[in-house]
Amino acid sequence: MMPEIKKGKEKKYRWKKWLNYQSIVKQVPFFVFLALLAVVYIYNGHYADKTIREINKTSKELKELQYEYKSVKGDVLFRSKQSELIEAVKPLGLKELTVEPMILIDSSN
């Protein structure tokens, strides 16, 4: 019966082997590695959030530029109509041609 009691005590105090100074010092590099992994994990999360914010900001700017492009394009198409051009050049004293343009030929040849 004595050996059984001794084995029970050994099992009972086995966890103390893990808590002595030498075993803790032995595990320090592993804990440092875990801490480094945690820092990298946190950094990666922040970096991903920052990237998502930049993507959202850029897509919002892109939409605004697309709207601006479409409105400017429509304005240019409207102003380039013949009737609008006639109205735009009236203050300059220019008039629309009513006769066909003349073709000039070089007679020196």
N, C-alpha and C. Protein backbone atom coordinates (compact mmCIF):
# COMPACT_ATOMS: atom_id res chain seq x y z
N MET A 1 0.81 -1.20 0.00
CA MET A 1 0.00 0.00 0.00
C MET A 1 0.86 1.27 0.00
N MET A 2 2.00 1.20 0.50
CA MET A 2 2.87 2.37 0.54
C MET A 2 3.19 2.92 -0.84
N PRO A 3 3.54 2.06 -1.82
CA PRO A 3 3.87 2.61 -3.15
C PRO A 3 2.67 3.30 -3.80
N GLU A 4 1.47 2.82 -3.54
CA GLU A 4 0.29 3.44 -4.14
C GLU A 4 0.08 4.85 -3.59
N ILE A 5 0.30 5.03 -2.33
CA ILE A 5 0.16 6.36 -1.73
C ILE A 5 1.20 7.30 -2.31
N LYS A 6 2.40 6.78 -2.49
CA LYS A 6 3.47 7.60 -3.04
C LYS A 6 3.14 8.02 -4.48
N LYS A 7 2.59 7.09 -5.27
CA LYS A 7 2.21 7.41 -6.64
C LYS A 7 1.10 8.45 -6.65
N GLY A 8 0.16 8.34 -5.76
CA GLY A 8 -0.92 9.32 -5.67
C GLY A 8 -0.39 10.69 -5.35
N LYS A 9 0.59 10.76 -4.43
CA LYS A 9 1.19 12.04 -4.08
C LYS A 9 1.97 12.62 -5.26
N GLU A 10 2.65 11.73 -6.00
CA GLU A 10 3.40 12.20 -7.17
C GLU A 10 2.46 12.78 -8.21
N LYS A 11 1.34 12.11 -8.42
CA LYS A 11 0.36 12.63 -9.38
C LYS A 11 -0.22 13.95 -8.89
N LYS A 12 -0.43 14.01 -7.58
CA LYS A 12 -1.02 15.20 -6.99
C LYS A 12 -0.10 16.41 -7.15
N TYR A 13 1.20 16.21 -7.03
CA TYR A 13 2.15 17.31 -7.06
C TYR A 13 2.91 17.41 -8.38
N ARG A 14 2.45 16.70 -9.39
CA ARG A 14 3.12 16.74 -10.69
C ARG A 14 3.04 18.14 -11.30
N TRP A 15 1.96 18.83 -11.09
CA TRP A 15 1.79 20.17 -11.65
C TRP A 15 2.81 21.15 -11.09
N LYS A 16 3.37 20.84 -9.91
CA LYS A 16 4.38 21.71 -9.31
C LYS A 16 5.67 21.71 -10.12
N LYS A 17 5.90 20.63 -10.88
CA LYS A 17 7.10 20.58 -11.72
C LYS A 17 7.04 21.69 -12.78
N TRP A 18 5.85 21.99 -13.23
CA TRP A 18 5.70 23.00 -14.28
C TRP A 18 5.84 24.42 -13.72
N LEU A 19 5.70 24.58 -12.43
CA LEU A 19 5.73 25.92 -11.85
C LEU A 19 7.05 26.27 -11.17
N ASN A 20 8.05 25.43 -11.28
CA ASN A 20 9.32 25.80 -10.66
C ASN A 20 10.06 26.79 -11.56
N TYR A 21 11.04 27.46 -11.03
CA TYR A 21 11.74 28.55 -11.70
C TYR A 21 12.40 28.11 -13.00
N GLN A 22 13.06 26.99 -12.99
CA GLN A 22 13.79 26.53 -14.18
C GLN A 22 12.86 26.24 -15.35
N SER A 23 11.75 25.62 -15.07
CA SER A 23 10.84 25.30 -16.18
C SER A 23 10.18 26.57 -16.74
N ILE A 24 9.94 27.55 -15.87
CA ILE A 24 9.38 28.82 -16.34
C ILE A 24 10.39 29.55 -17.21
N VAL A 25 11.64 29.60 -16.78
CA VAL A 25 12.70 30.24 -17.56
C VAL A 25 12.87 29.52 -18.89
N LYS A 26 12.72 28.23 -18.88
CA LYS A 26 12.84 27.43 -20.09
C LYS A 26 11.73 27.77 -21.09
N GLN A 27 10.56 28.18 -20.60
CA GLN A 27 9.42 28.48 -21.47
C GLN A 27 9.35 29.94 -21.92
N VAL A 28 10.24 30.80 -21.43
CA VAL A 28 10.21 32.23 -21.77
C VAL A 28 10.28 32.47 -23.28
N PRO A 29 11.16 31.82 -24.03
CA PRO A 29 11.17 32.07 -25.48
C PRO A 29 9.82 31.75 -26.14
N PHE A 30 9.16 30.73 -25.68
CA PHE A 30 7.85 30.38 -26.24
C PHE A 30 6.83 31.47 -25.92
N PHE A 31 6.86 32.00 -24.69
CA PHE A 31 5.94 33.08 -24.32
C PHE A 31 6.23 34.35 -25.12
N VAL A 32 7.51 34.63 -25.36
CA VAL A 32 7.88 35.78 -26.18
C VAL A 32 7.36 35.59 -27.61
N PHE A 33 7.49 34.38 -28.12
CA PHE A 33 6.98 34.06 -29.45
C PHE A 33 5.47 34.26 -29.51
N LEU A 34 4.76 33.80 -28.48
CA LEU A 34 3.31 33.99 -28.44
C LEU A 34 2.95 35.47 -28.38
N ALA A 35 3.71 36.24 -27.59
CA ALA A 35 3.46 37.68 -27.50
C ALA A 35 3.70 38.35 -28.85
N LEU A 36 4.75 37.93 -29.54
CA LEU A 36 5.04 38.48 -30.87
C LEU A 36 3.91 38.14 -31.85
N LEU A 37 3.42 36.92 -31.79
CA LEU A 37 2.30 36.53 -32.65
C LEU A 37 1.06 37.37 -32.34
N ALA A 38 0.82 37.64 -31.07
CA ALA A 38 -0.33 38.46 -30.69
C ALA A 38 -0.19 39.88 -31.24
N VAL A 39 1.01 40.44 -31.16
CA VAL A 39 1.25 41.79 -31.68
C VAL A 39 1.05 41.81 -33.20
N VAL A 40 1.57 40.81 -33.89
CA VAL A 40 1.40 40.74 -35.34
C VAL A 40 -0.07 40.58 -35.70
N TYR A 41 -0.80 39.80 -34.94
CA TYR A 41 -2.23 39.59 -35.18
C TYR A 41 -3.01 40.90 -35.02
N ILE A 42 -2.70 41.64 -33.96
CA ILE A 42 -3.37 42.92 -33.72
C ILE A 42 -3.01 43.92 -34.82
N TYR A 43 -1.72 43.97 -35.19
CA TYR A 43 -1.29 44.88 -36.26
C TYR A 43 -2.01 44.54 -37.56
N ASN A 44 -2.12 43.27 -37.87
CA ASN A 44 -2.78 42.85 -39.10
C ASN A 44 -4.25 43.29 -39.11
N GLY A 45 -4.92 43.19 -37.98
CA GLY A 45 -6.31 43.64 -37.89
C GLY A 45 -6.44 45.13 -38.13
N HIS A 46 -5.54 45.92 -37.51
CA HIS A 46 -5.57 47.37 -37.70
C HIS A 46 -5.25 47.74 -39.15
N TYR A 47 -4.28 47.05 -39.72
CA TYR A 47 -3.89 47.32 -41.11
C TYR A 47 -5.05 47.01 -42.06
N ALA A 48 -5.74 45.91 -41.80
CA ALA A 48 -6.89 45.54 -42.64
C ALA A 48 -8.00 46.59 -42.52
N ASP A 49 -8.27 47.06 -41.31
CA ASP A 49 -9.29 48.10 -41.12
C ASP A 49 -8.92 49.38 -41.85
N LYS A 50 -7.64 49.76 -41.75
CA LYS A 50 -7.17 50.97 -42.42
C LYS A 50 -7.30 50.82 -43.94
N THR A 51 -6.95 49.66 -44.45
CA THR A 51 -7.05 49.42 -45.89
C THR A 51 -8.51 49.47 -46.35
N ILE A 52 -9.40 48.90 -45.57
CA ILE A 52 -10.83 48.92 -45.92
C ILE A 52 -11.35 50.36 -45.93
N ARG A 53 -10.93 51.17 -44.94
CA ARG A 53 -11.35 52.57 -44.91
C ARG A 53 -10.84 53.32 -46.15
N GLU A 54 -9.59 53.06 -46.53
CA GLU A 54 -9.03 53.71 -47.72
C GLU A 54 -9.77 53.28 -48.98
N ILE A 55 -10.11 52.01 -49.08
CA ILE A 55 -10.85 51.51 -50.24
C ILE A 55 -12.23 52.17 -50.31
N ASN A 56 -12.90 52.28 -49.18
CA ASN A 56 -14.22 52.93 -49.16
C ASN A 56 -14.12 54.40 -49.55
N LYS A 57 -13.09 55.07 -49.03
CA LYS A 57 -12.90 56.48 -49.35
C LYS A 57 -12.62 56.65 -50.85
N THR A 58 -11.78 55.79 -51.40
CA THR A 58 -11.45 55.88 -52.81
C THR A 58 -12.65 55.56 -53.69
N SER A 59 -13.45 54.58 -53.30
CA SER A 59 -14.63 54.26 -54.10
C SER A 59 -15.65 55.40 -54.05
N LYS A 60 -15.76 56.07 -52.91
CA LYS A 60 -16.66 57.23 -52.81
C LYS A 60 -16.18 58.36 -53.72
N GLU A 61 -14.86 58.61 -53.72
CA GLU A 61 -14.30 59.63 -54.61
C GLU A 61 -14.52 59.26 -56.07
N LEU A 62 -14.37 57.98 -56.39
CA LEU A 62 -14.58 57.51 -57.76
C LEU A 62 -16.01 57.75 -58.20
N LYS A 63 -16.97 57.46 -57.33
CA LYS A 63 -18.38 57.71 -57.67
C LYS A 63 -18.63 59.19 -57.91
N GLU A 64 -18.06 60.04 -57.05
CA GLU A 64 -18.24 61.48 -57.23
C GLU A 64 -17.65 61.94 -58.56
N LEU A 65 -16.46 61.42 -58.90
CA LEU A 65 -15.84 61.79 -60.17
C LEU A 65 -16.63 61.27 -61.36
N GLN A 66 -17.23 60.10 -61.23
CA GLN A 66 -18.06 59.58 -62.32
C GLN A 66 -19.28 60.47 -62.52
N TYR A 67 -19.91 60.89 -61.43
CA TYR A 67 -21.07 61.80 -61.55
C TYR A 67 -20.64 63.11 -62.20
N GLU A 68 -19.51 63.63 -61.77
CA GLU A 68 -19.02 64.89 -62.34
C GLU A 68 -18.71 64.72 -63.83
N TYR A 69 -18.09 63.61 -64.19
CA TYR A 69 -17.77 63.34 -65.60
C TYR A 69 -19.04 63.28 -66.44
N LYS A 70 -20.05 62.58 -65.93
CA LYS A 70 -21.29 62.45 -66.69
C LYS A 70 -21.98 63.80 -66.86
N SER A 71 -21.98 64.63 -65.82
CA SER A 71 -22.64 65.94 -65.93
C SER A 71 -21.87 66.85 -66.87
N VAL A 72 -20.54 66.84 -66.80
CA VAL A 72 -19.74 67.68 -67.70
C VAL A 72 -19.88 67.19 -69.14
N LYS A 73 -19.89 65.89 -69.33
CA LYS A 73 -20.05 65.33 -70.68
C LYS A 73 -21.40 65.74 -71.27
N GLY A 74 -22.45 65.65 -70.48
CA GLY A 74 -23.77 66.07 -70.94
C GLY A 74 -23.80 67.54 -71.28
N ASP A 75 -23.14 68.35 -70.44
CA ASP A 75 -23.09 69.79 -70.69
C ASP A 75 -22.34 70.10 -71.99
N VAL A 76 -21.23 69.42 -72.21
CA VAL A 76 -20.45 69.62 -73.44
C VAL A 76 -21.27 69.20 -74.66
N LEU A 77 -21.94 68.06 -74.57
CA LEU A 77 -22.76 67.61 -75.69
C LEU A 77 -23.89 68.60 -75.97
N PHE A 78 -24.48 69.16 -74.93
CA PHE A 78 -25.55 70.13 -75.10
C PHE A 78 -25.02 71.41 -75.76
N ARG A 79 -23.88 71.89 -75.29
CA ARG A 79 -23.32 73.14 -75.81
C ARG A 79 -22.74 72.98 -77.21
N SER A 80 -22.44 71.77 -77.62
CA SER A 80 -21.85 71.58 -78.95
C SER A 80 -22.91 71.39 -80.03
N LYS A 81 -24.18 71.46 -79.67
CA LYS A 81 -25.24 71.42 -80.68
C LYS A 81 -25.14 72.67 -81.55
N GLN A 82 -25.55 72.54 -82.80
CA GLN A 82 -25.44 73.66 -83.73
C GLN A 82 -26.24 74.87 -83.24
N SER A 83 -27.43 74.65 -82.75
CA SER A 83 -28.26 75.77 -82.29
C SER A 83 -27.63 76.47 -81.09
N GLU A 84 -27.01 75.72 -80.22
CA GLU A 84 -26.36 76.34 -79.05
C GLU A 84 -25.10 77.08 -79.47
N LEU A 85 -24.37 76.55 -80.45
CA LEU A 85 -23.17 77.24 -80.93
C LEU A 85 -23.53 78.58 -81.56
N ILE A 86 -24.62 78.60 -82.31
CA ILE A 86 -25.06 79.85 -82.94
C ILE A 86 -25.35 80.90 -81.88
N GLU A 87 -26.03 80.51 -80.83
CA GLU A 87 -26.35 81.44 -79.74
C GLU A 87 -25.09 81.89 -79.01
N ALA A 88 -24.10 81.00 -78.90
CA ALA A 88 -22.88 81.33 -78.16
C ALA A 88 -22.00 82.31 -78.92
N VAL A 89 -21.99 82.25 -80.26
CA VAL A 89 -21.11 83.13 -81.03
C VAL A 89 -21.80 84.41 -81.51
N LYS A 90 -23.07 84.57 -81.26
CA LYS A 90 -23.79 85.80 -81.65
C LYS A 90 -23.16 87.05 -81.05
N PRO A 91 -22.80 87.04 -79.75
CA PRO A 91 -22.19 88.26 -79.19
C PRO A 91 -20.86 88.62 -79.84
N LEU A 92 -20.19 87.66 -80.47
CA LEU A 92 -18.92 87.94 -81.12
C LEU A 92 -19.11 88.50 -82.53
N GLY A 93 -20.33 88.53 -83.00
CA GLY A 93 -20.62 89.06 -84.32
C GLY A 93 -20.51 88.03 -85.42
N LEU A 94 -20.36 86.77 -85.08
CA LEU A 94 -20.27 85.72 -86.08
C LEU A 94 -21.67 85.25 -86.44
N LYS A 95 -21.83 84.90 -87.72
CA LYS A 95 -23.14 84.44 -88.18
C LYS A 95 -23.00 83.08 -88.84
N GLU A 96 -24.11 82.38 -88.93
CA GLU A 96 -24.12 81.07 -89.57
C GLU A 96 -24.05 81.26 -91.08
N LEU A 97 -23.32 80.37 -91.74
CA LEU A 97 -23.23 80.44 -93.19
C LEU A 97 -24.56 80.04 -93.81
N THR A 98 -24.98 80.79 -94.81
CA THR A 98 -26.22 80.43 -95.51
C THR A 98 -25.91 79.90 -96.90
N VAL A 99 -24.69 80.13 -97.38
CA VAL A 99 -24.27 79.62 -98.69
C VAL A 99 -23.21 78.55 -98.48
N GLU A 100 -23.01 77.76 -99.52
CA GLU A 100 -21.99 76.72 -99.41
C GLU A 100 -20.60 77.34 -99.37
N PRO A 101 -19.68 76.70 -98.69
CA PRO A 101 -18.32 77.24 -98.68
C PRO A 101 -17.67 77.09 -100.06
N MET A 102 -16.82 78.03 -100.39
CA MET A 102 -16.14 78.00 -101.68
C MET A 102 -14.85 77.21 -101.56
N ILE A 103 -14.53 76.45 -102.61
CA ILE A 103 -13.30 75.68 -102.63
C ILE A 103 -12.25 76.50 -103.36
N LEU A 104 -11.14 76.72 -102.73
CA LEU A 104 -10.05 77.49 -103.33
C LEU A 104 -9.07 76.52 -103.98
N ILE A 105 -8.72 76.82 -105.22
CA ILE A 105 -7.78 75.97 -105.96
C ILE A 105 -6.56 76.82 -106.28
N ASP A 106 -5.41 76.24 -106.10
CA ASP A 106 -4.15 76.93 -106.40
C ASP A 106 -3.94 76.88 -107.91
N SER A 107 -3.91 78.02 -108.57
CA SER A 107 -3.79 78.07 -110.03
C SER A 107 -2.35 78.16 -110.51
N SER A 108 -1.42 78.21 -109.61
CA SER A 108 -0.02 78.35 -110.02
C SER A 108 0.57 77.05 -110.56
N ASN A 109 -0.07 75.94 -110.40
CA ASN A 109 0.45 74.66 -110.89
C ASN A 109 0.21 74.48 -112.33
